[in-house]
């Protein structure tokens, strides 16, 4: 359910696999509908990305008229919301 990582200052911590949480990675950490890929699952609750709300980040909020443009024009919508790496930014496309 996780990997034990030794700390440079001594001791070790568990780095939990997706879906698990807690000091020993024994706690369930699943969120409804995986937050609809519009947020991050943290301690069984969705932390929605800007522009989304709801228990499972299922509702898209209207974009304010004064809101800045997203990174979509650059190829990656909001830099993948922490769920990946924007390859287009890396290669300078």
PDB file of N, CA and C in Angstrom:
ATOM      1  N   UNK A   1       0.801  -1.201   0.000  1.00  0.00           N
ATOM      2  CA  UNK A   1       0.000   0.000   0.000  1.00  0.00           C
ATOM      3  C   UNK A   1       0.837   1.255   0.000  1.00  0.00           C
ATOM      4  N   UNK A   2       2.143   1.100   0.101  1.00  0.00           N
ATOM      5  CA  UNK A   2       3.019   2.252   0.102  1.00  0.00           C
ATOM      6  C   UNK A   2       4.469   1.834   0.087  1.00  0.00           C
ATOM      7  N   UNK A   3       5.342   2.815   0.179  1.00  0.00           N
ATOM      8  CA  UNK A   3       6.777   2.576   0.152  1.00  0.00           C
ATOM      9  C   UNK A   3       7.383   3.267   1.370  1.00  0.00           C
ATOM     10  N   UNK A   4       8.270   2.582   2.048  1.00  0.00           N
ATOM     11  CA  UNK A   4       8.972   3.144   3.197  1.00  0.00           C
ATOM     12  C   UNK A   4      10.189   3.906   2.682  1.00  0.00           C
ATOM     13  N   UNK A   5      10.288   5.181   3.045  1.00  0.00           N
ATOM     14  CA  UNK A   5      11.383   6.023   2.575  1.00  0.00           C
ATOM     15  C   UNK A   5      12.175   6.510   3.780  1.00  0.00           C
ATOM     16  N   UNK A   6      13.473   6.215   3.775  1.00  0.00           N
ATOM     17  CA  UNK A   6      14.342   6.669   4.854  1.00  0.00           C
ATOM     18  C   UNK A   6      14.580   8.169   4.720  1.00  0.00           C
ATOM     19  N   UNK A   7      14.556   8.851   5.848  1.00  0.00           N
ATOM     20  CA  UNK A   7      14.763  10.294   5.883  1.00  0.00           C
ATOM     21  C   UNK A   7      16.239  10.603   6.106  1.00  0.00           C
ATOM     22  N   UNK A   8      16.763  11.671   5.493  1.00  0.00           N
ATOM     23  CA  UNK A   8      18.178  12.019   5.668  1.00  0.00           C
ATOM     24  C   UNK A   8      18.530  12.328   7.119  1.00  0.00           C
ATOM     25  N   UNK A   9      17.540  12.777   7.890  1.00  0.00           N
ATOM     26  CA  UNK A   9      17.786  13.125   9.293  1.00  0.00           C
ATOM     27  C   UNK A   9      17.584  11.939  10.223  1.00  0.00           C
ATOM     28  N   UNK A  10      17.297  10.775   9.653  1.00  0.00           N
ATOM     29  CA  UNK A  10      17.044   9.575  10.440  1.00  0.00           C
ATOM     30  C   UNK A  10      15.572   9.222  10.452  1.00  0.00           C
ATOM     31  N   UNK A  11      15.266   7.990  10.710  1.00  0.00           N
ATOM     32  CA  UNK A  11      13.881   7.539  10.700  1.00  0.00           C
ATOM     33  C   UNK A  11      13.400   7.271   9.291  1.00  0.00           C
ATOM     34  N   UNK A  12      12.130   6.992   9.190  1.00  0.00           N
ATOM     35  CA  UNK A  12      11.537   6.701   7.886  1.00  0.00           C
ATOM     36  C   UNK A  12      10.073   7.103   7.898  1.00  0.00           C
ATOM     37  N   UNK A  13       9.521   7.317   6.715  1.00  0.00           N
ATOM     38  CA  UNK A  13       8.100   7.630   6.567  1.00  0.00           C
ATOM     39  C   UNK A  13       7.533   6.761   5.450  1.00  0.00           C
ATOM     40  N   UNK A  14       6.246   6.524   5.527  1.00  0.00           N
ATOM     41  CA  UNK A  14       5.556   5.794   4.466  1.00  0.00           C
ATOM     42  C   UNK A  14       5.026   6.780   3.442  1.00  0.00           C
ATOM     43  N   UNK A  15       5.290   6.520   2.190  1.00  0.00           N
ATOM     44  CA  UNK A  15       4.711   7.275   1.091  1.00  0.00           C
ATOM     45  C   UNK A  15       3.653   6.367   0.494  1.00  0.00           C
ATOM     46  N   UNK A  16       2.397   6.756   0.693  1.00  0.00           N
ATOM     47  CA  UNK A  16       1.269   5.884   0.353  1.00  0.00           C
ATOM     48  C   UNK A  16       0.957   5.882  -1.137  1.00  0.00           C
ATOM     49  N   UNK A  17       0.518   4.737  -1.611  1.00  0.00           N
ATOM     50  CA  UNK A  17       0.036   4.605  -2.980  1.00  0.00           C
ATOM     51  C   UNK A  17      -1.318   5.298  -3.089  1.00  0.00           C
ATOM     52  N   UNK A  18      -1.716   5.608  -4.308  1.00  0.00           N
ATOM     53  CA  UNK A  18      -3.010   6.219  -4.553  1.00  0.00           C
ATOM     54  C   UNK A  18      -4.099   5.360  -3.944  1.00  0.00           C
ATOM     55  N   UNK A  19      -4.997   6.005  -3.218  1.00  0.00           N
ATOM     56  CA  UNK A  19      -6.106   5.303  -2.602  1.00  0.00           C
ATOM     57  C   UNK A  19      -5.879   4.931  -1.154  1.00  0.00           C
ATOM     58  N   UNK A  20      -4.674   5.216  -0.615  1.00  0.00           N
ATOM     59  CA  UNK A  20      -4.366   4.890   0.772  1.00  0.00           C
ATOM     60  C   UNK A  20      -3.781   6.103   1.481  1.00  0.00           C
ATOM     61  N   UNK A  21      -3.917   6.117   2.813  1.00  0.00           N
ATOM     62  CA  UNK A  21      -3.478   7.261   3.603  1.00  0.00           C
ATOM     63  C   UNK A  21      -3.103   6.788   5.005  1.00  0.00           C
ATOM     64  N   UNK A  22      -2.542   7.675   5.783  1.00  0.00           N
ATOM     65  CA  UNK A  22      -2.211   7.381   7.165  1.00  0.00           C
ATOM     66  C   UNK A  22      -0.738   7.094   7.344  1.00  0.00           C
ATOM     67  N   UNK A  23      -0.282   7.075   8.599  1.00  0.00           N
ATOM     68  CA  UNK A  23       1.143   6.863   8.865  1.00  0.00           C
ATOM     69  C   UNK A  23       1.657   5.514   8.376  1.00  0.00           C
ATOM     70  N   UNK A  24       0.768   4.513   8.298  1.00  0.00           N
ATOM     71  CA  UNK A  24       1.177   3.182   7.836  1.00  0.00           C
ATOM     72  C   UNK A  24       0.478   2.791   6.538  1.00  0.00           C
ATOM     73  N   UNK A  25      -0.179   3.752   5.893  1.00  0.00           N
ATOM     74  CA  UNK A  25      -0.885   3.533   4.620  1.00  0.00           C
ATOM     75  C   UNK A  25      -1.985   2.472   4.740  1.00  0.00           C
ATOM     76  N   UNK A  26      -2.613   2.374   5.917  1.00  0.00           N
ATOM     77  CA  UNK A  26      -3.680   1.374   6.077  1.00  0.00           C
ATOM     78  C   UNK A  26      -5.065   1.990   5.947  1.00  0.00           C
ATOM     79  N   UNK A  27      -5.146   3.324   5.927  1.00  0.00           N
ATOM     80  CA  UNK A  27      -6.445   3.981   5.823  1.00  0.00           C
ATOM     81  C   UNK A  27      -6.861   4.138   4.365  1.00  0.00           C
ATOM     82  N   UNK A  28      -8.143   3.939   4.137  1.00  0.00           N
ATOM     83  CA  UNK A  28      -8.716   4.121   2.804  1.00  0.00           C
ATOM     84  C   UNK A  28      -8.711   5.608   2.465  1.00  0.00           C
ATOM     85  N   UNK A  29      -8.316   5.974   1.273  1.00  0.00           N
ATOM     86  CA  UNK A  29      -8.322   7.369   0.839  1.00  0.00           C
ATOM     87  C   UNK A  29      -8.906   7.453  -0.561  1.00  0.00           C
ATOM     88  N   UNK A  30     -10.168   7.115  -0.681  1.00  0.00           N
ATOM     89  CA  UNK A  30     -10.832   7.220  -1.970  1.00  0.00           C
ATOM     90  C   UNK A  30     -11.857   8.334  -1.898  1.00  0.00           C
ATOM     91  N   UNK A  31     -12.079   8.963  -3.002  1.00  0.00           N
ATOM     92  CA  UNK A  31     -13.036  10.064  -3.094  1.00  0.00           C
ATOM     93  C   UNK A  31     -14.111   9.728  -4.114  1.00  0.00           C
ATOM     94  N   UNK A  32     -15.280  10.351  -3.966  1.00  0.00           N
ATOM     95  CA  UNK A  32     -16.352  10.083  -4.908  1.00  0.00           C
ATOM     96  C   UNK A  32     -15.933  10.430  -6.340  1.00  0.00           C
ATOM     97  N   UNK A  33     -16.129   9.469  -7.219  1.00  0.00           N
ATOM     98  CA  UNK A  33     -15.849   9.634  -8.659  1.00  0.00           C
ATOM     99  C   UNK A  33     -14.433  10.138  -8.927  1.00  0.00           C
ATOM    100  N   UNK A  34     -13.496   9.831  -8.025  1.00  0.00           N
ATOM    101  CA  UNK A  34     -12.115  10.297  -8.158  1.00  0.00           C
ATOM    102  C   UNK A  34     -12.065  11.800  -8.426  1.00  0.00           C
ATOM    103  N   UNK A  35     -12.988  12.521  -7.774  1.00  0.00           N
ATOM    104  CA  UNK A  35     -13.091  13.984  -7.893  1.00  0.00           C
ATOM    105  C   UNK A  35     -13.320  14.419  -9.341  1.00  0.00           C
ATOM    106  N   UNK A  36     -13.833  13.503 -10.166  1.00  0.00           N
ATOM    107  CA  UNK A  36     -14.124  13.790 -11.577  1.00  0.00           C
ATOM    108  C   UNK A  36     -12.922  14.362 -12.319  1.00  0.00           C
ATOM    109  N   UNK A  37     -11.732  14.053 -11.819  1.00  0.00           N
ATOM    110  CA  UNK A  37     -10.472  14.534 -12.398  1.00  0.00           C
ATOM    111  C   UNK A  37     -10.393  16.062 -12.421  1.00  0.00           C
ATOM    112  N   UNK A  38     -11.154  16.703 -11.517  1.00  0.00           N
ATOM    113  CA  UNK A  38     -11.127  18.167 -11.390  1.00  0.00           C
ATOM    114  C   UNK A  38     -10.672  18.584 -10.001  1.00  0.00           C
ATOM    115  N   UNK A  39      -9.969  17.717  -9.314  1.00  0.00           N
ATOM    116  CA  UNK A  39      -9.484  18.031  -7.986  1.00  0.00           C
ATOM    117  C   UNK A  39      -8.594  16.920  -7.473  1.00  0.00           C
ATOM    118  N   UNK A  40      -8.112  17.090  -6.264  1.00  0.00           N
ATOM    119  CA  UNK A  40      -7.240  16.101  -5.635  1.00  0.00           C
ATOM    120  C   UNK A  40      -7.950  15.492  -4.439  1.00  0.00           C
ATOM    121  N   UNK A  41      -7.750  14.207  -4.231  1.00  0.00           N
ATOM    122  CA  UNK A  41      -8.347  13.484  -3.115  1.00  0.00           C
ATOM    123  C   UNK A  41      -7.383  13.548  -1.932  1.00  0.00           C
ATOM    124  N   UNK A  42      -7.802  14.221  -0.858  1.00  0.00           N
ATOM    125  CA  UNK A  42      -6.976  14.368   0.332  1.00  0.00           C
ATOM    126  C   UNK A  42      -7.812  13.978   1.536  1.00  0.00           C
ATOM    127  N   UNK A  43      -7.390  12.915   2.207  1.00  0.00           N
ATOM    128  CA  UNK A  43      -8.098  12.399   3.382  1.00  0.00           C
ATOM    129  C   UNK A  43      -9.588  12.227   3.118  1.00  0.00           C
ATOM    130  N   UNK A  44      -9.880  11.557   2.013  1.00  0.00           N
ATOM    131  CA  UNK A  44     -11.233  11.182   1.600  1.00  0.00           C
ATOM    132  C   UNK A  44     -12.133  12.369   1.262  1.00  0.00           C
ATOM    133  N   UNK A  45     -11.549  13.521   0.991  1.00  0.00           N
ATOM    134  CA  UNK A  45     -12.323  14.684   0.578  1.00  0.00           C
ATOM    135  C   UNK A  45     -11.684  15.275  -0.665  1.00  0.00           C
ATOM    136  N   UNK A  46     -12.524  15.734  -1.578  1.00  0.00           N
ATOM    137  CA  UNK A  46     -12.027  16.361  -2.792  1.00  0.00           C
ATOM    138  C   UNK A  46     -11.651  17.817  -2.523  1.00  0.00           C
ATOM    139  N   UNK A  47     -10.456  18.173  -2.922  1.00  0.00           N
ATOM    140  CA  UNK A  47     -10.048  19.569  -2.952  1.00  0.00           C
ATOM    141  C   UNK A  47     -10.120  19.981  -4.411  1.00  0.00           C
ATOM    142  N   UNK A  48     -11.167  20.702  -4.733  1.00  0.00           N
ATOM    143  CA  UNK A  48     -11.450  21.015  -6.135  1.00  0.00           C
ATOM    144  C   UNK A  48     -10.486  22.041  -6.707  1.00  0.00           C
ATOM    145  N   UNK A  49     -10.167  21.858  -7.969  1.00  0.00           N
ATOM    146  CA  UNK A  49      -9.354  22.811  -8.709  1.00  0.00           C
ATOM    147  C   UNK A  49     -10.168  24.087  -8.900  1.00  0.00           C
ATOM    148  N   UNK A  50      -9.488  25.216  -9.072  1.00  0.00           N
ATOM    149  CA  UNK A  50     -10.228  26.455  -9.328  1.00  0.00           C
ATOM    150  C   UNK A  50     -11.178  26.281 -10.504  1.00  0.00           C
ATOM    151  N   UNK A  51     -12.391  26.776 -10.315  1.00  0.00           N
ATOM    152  CA  UNK A  51     -13.395  26.675 -11.361  1.00  0.00           C
ATOM    153  C   UNK A  51     -14.339  25.503 -11.190  1.00  0.00           C
ATOM    154  N   UNK A  52     -14.153  24.691 -10.140  1.00  0.00           N
ATOM    155  CA  UNK A  52     -15.017  23.539  -9.879  1.00  0.00           C
ATOM    156  C   UNK A  52     -15.428  23.528  -8.417  1.00  0.00           C
ATOM    157  N   UNK A  53     -16.594  22.976  -8.168  1.00  0.00           N
ATOM    158  CA  UNK A  53     -17.073  22.828  -6.801  1.00  0.00           C
ATOM    159  C   UNK A  53     -17.950  21.596  -6.709  1.00  0.00           C
ATOM    160  N   UNK A  54     -18.322  21.242  -5.498  1.00  0.00           N
ATOM    161  CA  UNK A  54     -19.171  20.086  -5.251  1.00  0.00           C
ATOM    162  C   UNK A  54     -18.413  19.012  -4.510  1.00  0.00           C
ATOM    163  N   UNK A  55     -19.152  18.081  -3.940  1.00  0.00           N
ATOM    164  CA  UNK A  55     -18.553  17.002  -3.156  1.00  0.00           C
ATOM    165  C   UNK A  55     -17.539  16.212  -3.973  1.00  0.00           C
ATOM    166  N   UNK A  56     -17.797  16.070  -5.270  1.00  0.00           N
ATOM    167  CA  UNK A  56     -16.896  15.344  -6.162  1.00  0.00           C
ATOM    168  C   UNK A  56     -16.376  16.249  -7.286  1.00  0.00           C
ATOM    169  N   UNK A  57     -16.338  17.559  -7.028  1.00  0.00           N
ATOM    170  CA  UNK A  57     -15.876  18.545  -8.028  1.00  0.00           C
ATOM    171  C   UNK A  57     -16.635  18.384  -9.339  1.00  0.00           C
ATOM    172  N   UNK A  58     -17.926  18.091  -9.223  1.00  0.00           N
ATOM    173  CA  UNK A  58     -18.731  17.791 -10.406  1.00  0.00           C
ATOM    174  C   UNK A  58     -19.347  19.014 -11.065  1.00  0.00           C
ATOM    175  N   UNK A  59     -19.347  20.148 -10.388  1.00  0.00           N
ATOM    176  CA  UNK A  59     -19.969  21.347 -10.959  1.00  0.00           C
ATOM    177  C   UNK A  59     -18.913  22.346 -11.398  1.00  0.00           C
ATOM    178  N   UNK A  60     -19.009  22.715 -12.665  1.00  0.00           N
ATOM    179  CA  UNK A  60     -18.097  23.730 -13.195  1.00  0.00           C
ATOM    180  C   UNK A  60     -18.700  25.096 -12.914  1.00  0.00           C
ATOM    181  N   UNK A  61     -17.904  25.975 -12.340  1.00  0.00           N
ATOM    182  CA  UNK A  61     -18.356  27.322 -12.034  1.00  0.00           C
ATOM    183  C   UNK A  61     -18.227  28.198 -13.272  1.00  0.00           C
ATOM    184  N   UNK A  62     -19.118  29.180 -13.411  1.00  0.00           N
ATOM    185  CA  UNK A  62     -18.958  30.096 -14.541  1.00  0.00           C
ATOM    186  C   UNK A  62     -17.677  30.895 -14.387  1.00  0.00           C
ATOM    187  N   UNK A  63     -17.031  31.131 -15.469  1.00  0.00           N
ATOM    188  CA  UNK A  63     -15.749  31.849 -15.447  1.00  0.00           C
ATOM    189  C   UNK A  63     -16.027  33.346 -15.344  1.00  0.00           C
ATOM    190  N   UNK A  64     -15.453  34.014 -14.349  1.00  0.00           N
ATOM    191  CA  UNK A  64     -15.655  35.458 -14.229  1.00  0.00           C
ATOM    192  C   UNK A  64     -15.104  36.182 -15.445  1.00  0.00           C
ATOM    193  N   UNK A  65     -15.740  37.275 -15.802  1.00  0.00           N
ATOM    194  CA  UNK A  65     -15.327  38.032 -16.985  1.00  0.00           C
ATOM    195  C   UNK A  65     -13.900  38.544 -16.851  1.00  0.00           C
ATOM    196  N   UNK A  66     -13.448  38.822 -15.638  1.00  0.00           N
ATOM    197  CA  UNK A  66     -12.114  39.378 -15.425  1.00  0.00           C
ATOM    198  C   UNK A  66     -11.046  38.310 -15.181  1.00  0.00           C
ATOM    199  N   UNK A  67     -11.405  37.028 -15.285  1.00  0.00           N
ATOM    200  CA  UNK A  67     -10.458  35.944 -14.981  1.00  0.00           C
ATOM    201  C   UNK A  67      -9.360  35.872 -16.039  1.00  0.00           C
ATOM    202  N   UNK A  68      -8.132  35.583 -15.602  1.00  0.00           N
ATOM    203  CA  UNK A  68      -7.041  35.430 -16.572  1.00  0.00           C
ATOM    204  C   UNK A  68      -7.223  34.154 -17.397  1.00  0.00           C
ATOM    205  N   UNK A  69      -6.588  34.126 -18.526  1.00  0.00           N
ATOM    206  CA  UNK A  69      -6.654  32.947 -19.381  1.00  0.00           C
ATOM    207  C   UNK A  69      -5.957  31.777 -18.712  1.00  0.00           C
ATOM    208  N   UNK A  70      -6.424  30.574 -19.017  1.00  0.00           N
ATOM    209  CA  UNK A  70      -5.763  29.384 -18.500  1.00  0.00           C
ATOM    210  C   UNK A  70      -4.590  29.045 -19.398  1.00  0.00           C
ATOM    211  N   UNK A  71      -3.886  28.000 -19.055  1.00  0.00           N
ATOM    212  CA  UNK A  71      -2.746  27.559 -19.857  1.00  0.00           C
ATOM    213  C   UNK A  71      -3.181  26.708 -21.039  1.00  0.00           C
ATOM    214  N   UNK A  72      -4.475  26.658 -21.308  1.00  0.00           N
ATOM    215  CA  UNK A  72      -4.965  25.807 -22.400  1.00  0.00           C
ATOM    216  C   UNK A  72      -4.365  26.237 -23.725  1.00  0.00           C
ATOM    217  N   UNK A  73      -4.232  27.539 -23.930  1.00  0.00           N
ATOM    218  CA  UNK A  73      -3.660  28.016 -25.189  1.00  0.00           C
ATOM    219  C   UNK A  73      -2.221  27.540 -25.342  1.00  0.00           C
ATOM    220  N   UNK A  74      -1.550  27.287 -24.226  1.00  0.00           N
ATOM    221  CA  UNK A  74      -0.184  26.800 -24.265  1.00  0.00           C
ATOM    222  C   UNK A  74      -0.127  25.284 -24.389  1.00  0.00           C
ATOM    223  N   UNK A  75      -1.293  24.619 -24.348  1.00  0.00           N
ATOM    224  CA  UNK A  75      -1.315  23.189 -24.563  1.00  0.00           C
ATOM    225  C   UNK A  75      -1.785  22.354 -23.399  1.00  0.00           C
ATOM    226  N   UNK A  76      -1.694  22.841 -22.173  1.00  0.00           N
ATOM    227  CA  UNK A  76      -2.081  22.048 -21.009  1.00  0.00           C
ATOM    228  C   UNK A  76      -3.010  22.861 -20.124  1.00  0.00           C
ATOM    229  N   UNK A  77      -4.232  22.418 -20.014  1.00  0.00           N
ATOM    230  CA  UNK A  77      -5.209  23.125 -19.206  1.00  0.00           C
ATOM    231  C   UNK A  77      -4.747  23.151 -17.757  1.00  0.00           C
ATOM    232  N   UNK A  78      -4.460  24.346 -17.263  1.00  0.00           N
ATOM    233  CA  UNK A  78      -4.046  24.556 -15.867  1.00  0.00           C
ATOM    234  C   UNK A  78      -2.946  23.610 -15.407  1.00  0.00           C
ATOM    235  N   UNK A  79      -2.029  23.347 -16.273  1.00  0.00           N
ATOM    236  CA  UNK A  79      -0.856  22.506 -15.972  1.00  0.00           C
ATOM    237  C   UNK A  79      -1.245  21.164 -15.375  1.00  0.00           C
ATOM    238  N   UNK A  80      -2.325  20.603 -15.849  1.00  0.00           N
ATOM    239  CA  UNK A  80      -2.759  19.239 -15.491  1.00  0.00           C
ATOM    240  C   UNK A  80      -3.189  19.099 -14.037  1.00  0.00           C
ATOM    241  N   UNK A  81      -3.391  20.186 -13.337  1.00  0.00           N
ATOM    242  CA  UNK A  81      -3.877  20.179 -11.948  1.00  0.00           C
ATOM    243  C   UNK A  81      -3.093  19.237 -11.053  1.00  0.00           C
ATOM    244  N   UNK A  82      -1.817  19.112 -11.261  1.00  0.00           N
ATOM    245  CA  UNK A  82      -1.001  18.279 -10.396  1.00  0.00           C
ATOM    246  C   UNK A  82      -1.167  16.795 -10.643  1.00  0.00           C
ATOM    247  N   UNK A  83      -1.847  16.420 -11.731  1.00  0.00           N
ATOM    248  CA  UNK A  83      -2.073  15.006 -12.023  1.00  0.00           C
ATOM    249  C   UNK A  83      -1.152  14.496 -13.121  1.00  0.00           C
ATOM    250  N   UNK A  84      -0.226  15.307 -13.538  1.00  0.00           N
ATOM    251  CA  UNK A  84       0.683  14.873 -14.599  1.00  0.00           C
ATOM    252  C   UNK A  84       1.649  15.981 -14.919  1.00  0.00           C
ATOM    253  N   UNK A  85       2.358  15.823 -15.993  1.00  0.00           N
ATOM    254  CA  UNK A  85       3.339  16.812 -16.422  1.00  0.00           C
ATOM    255  C   UNK A  85       2.968  17.296 -17.817  1.00  0.00           C
ATOM    256  N   UNK A  86       2.979  18.589 -18.009  1.00  0.00           N
ATOM    257  CA  UNK A  86       2.667  19.139 -19.324  1.00  0.00           C
ATOM    258  C   UNK A  86       3.890  18.989 -20.207  1.00  0.00           C
ATOM    259  N   UNK A  87       3.832  18.042 -21.120  1.00  0.00           N
ATOM    260  CA  UNK A  87       4.983  17.783 -21.996  1.00  0.00           C
ATOM    261  C   UNK A  87       5.205  18.923 -22.972  1.00  0.00           C
ATOM    262  N   UNK A  88       4.149  19.630 -23.351  1.00  0.00           N
ATOM    263  CA  UNK A  88       4.310  20.732 -24.287  1.00  0.00           C
ATOM    264  C   UNK A  88       5.136  21.861 -23.660  1.00  0.00           C
ATOM    265  N   UNK A  89       4.973  22.097 -22.364  1.00  0.00           N
ATOM    266  CA  UNK A  89       5.776  23.117 -21.700  1.00  0.00           C
ATOM    267  C   UNK A  89       7.228  22.686 -21.609  1.00  0.00           C
ATOM    268  N   UNK A  90       7.444  21.398 -21.388  1.00  0.00           N
ATOM    269  CA  UNK A  90       8.812  20.894 -21.230  1.00  0.00           C
ATOM    270  C   UNK A  90       9.606  21.023 -22.521  1.00  0.00           C
ATOM    271  N   UNK A  91       8.967  20.782 -23.657  1.00  0.00           N
ATOM    272  CA  UNK A  91       9.683  20.843 -24.928  1.00  0.00           C
ATOM    273  C   UNK A  91       9.585  22.220 -25.559  1.00  0.00           C
ATOM    274  N   UNK A  92       8.876  23.154 -24.891  1.00  0.00           N
ATOM    275  CA  UNK A  92       8.799  24.506 -25.391  1.00  0.00           C
ATOM    276  C   UNK A  92       7.907  24.693 -26.577  1.00  0.00           C
ATOM    277  N   UNK A  93       6.864  23.872 -26.698  1.00  0.00           N
ATOM    278  CA  UNK A  93       5.923  24.011 -27.817  1.00  0.00           C
ATOM    279  C   UNK A  93       5.006  25.164 -27.551  1.00  0.00           C
TER     280      UNK A  93
END
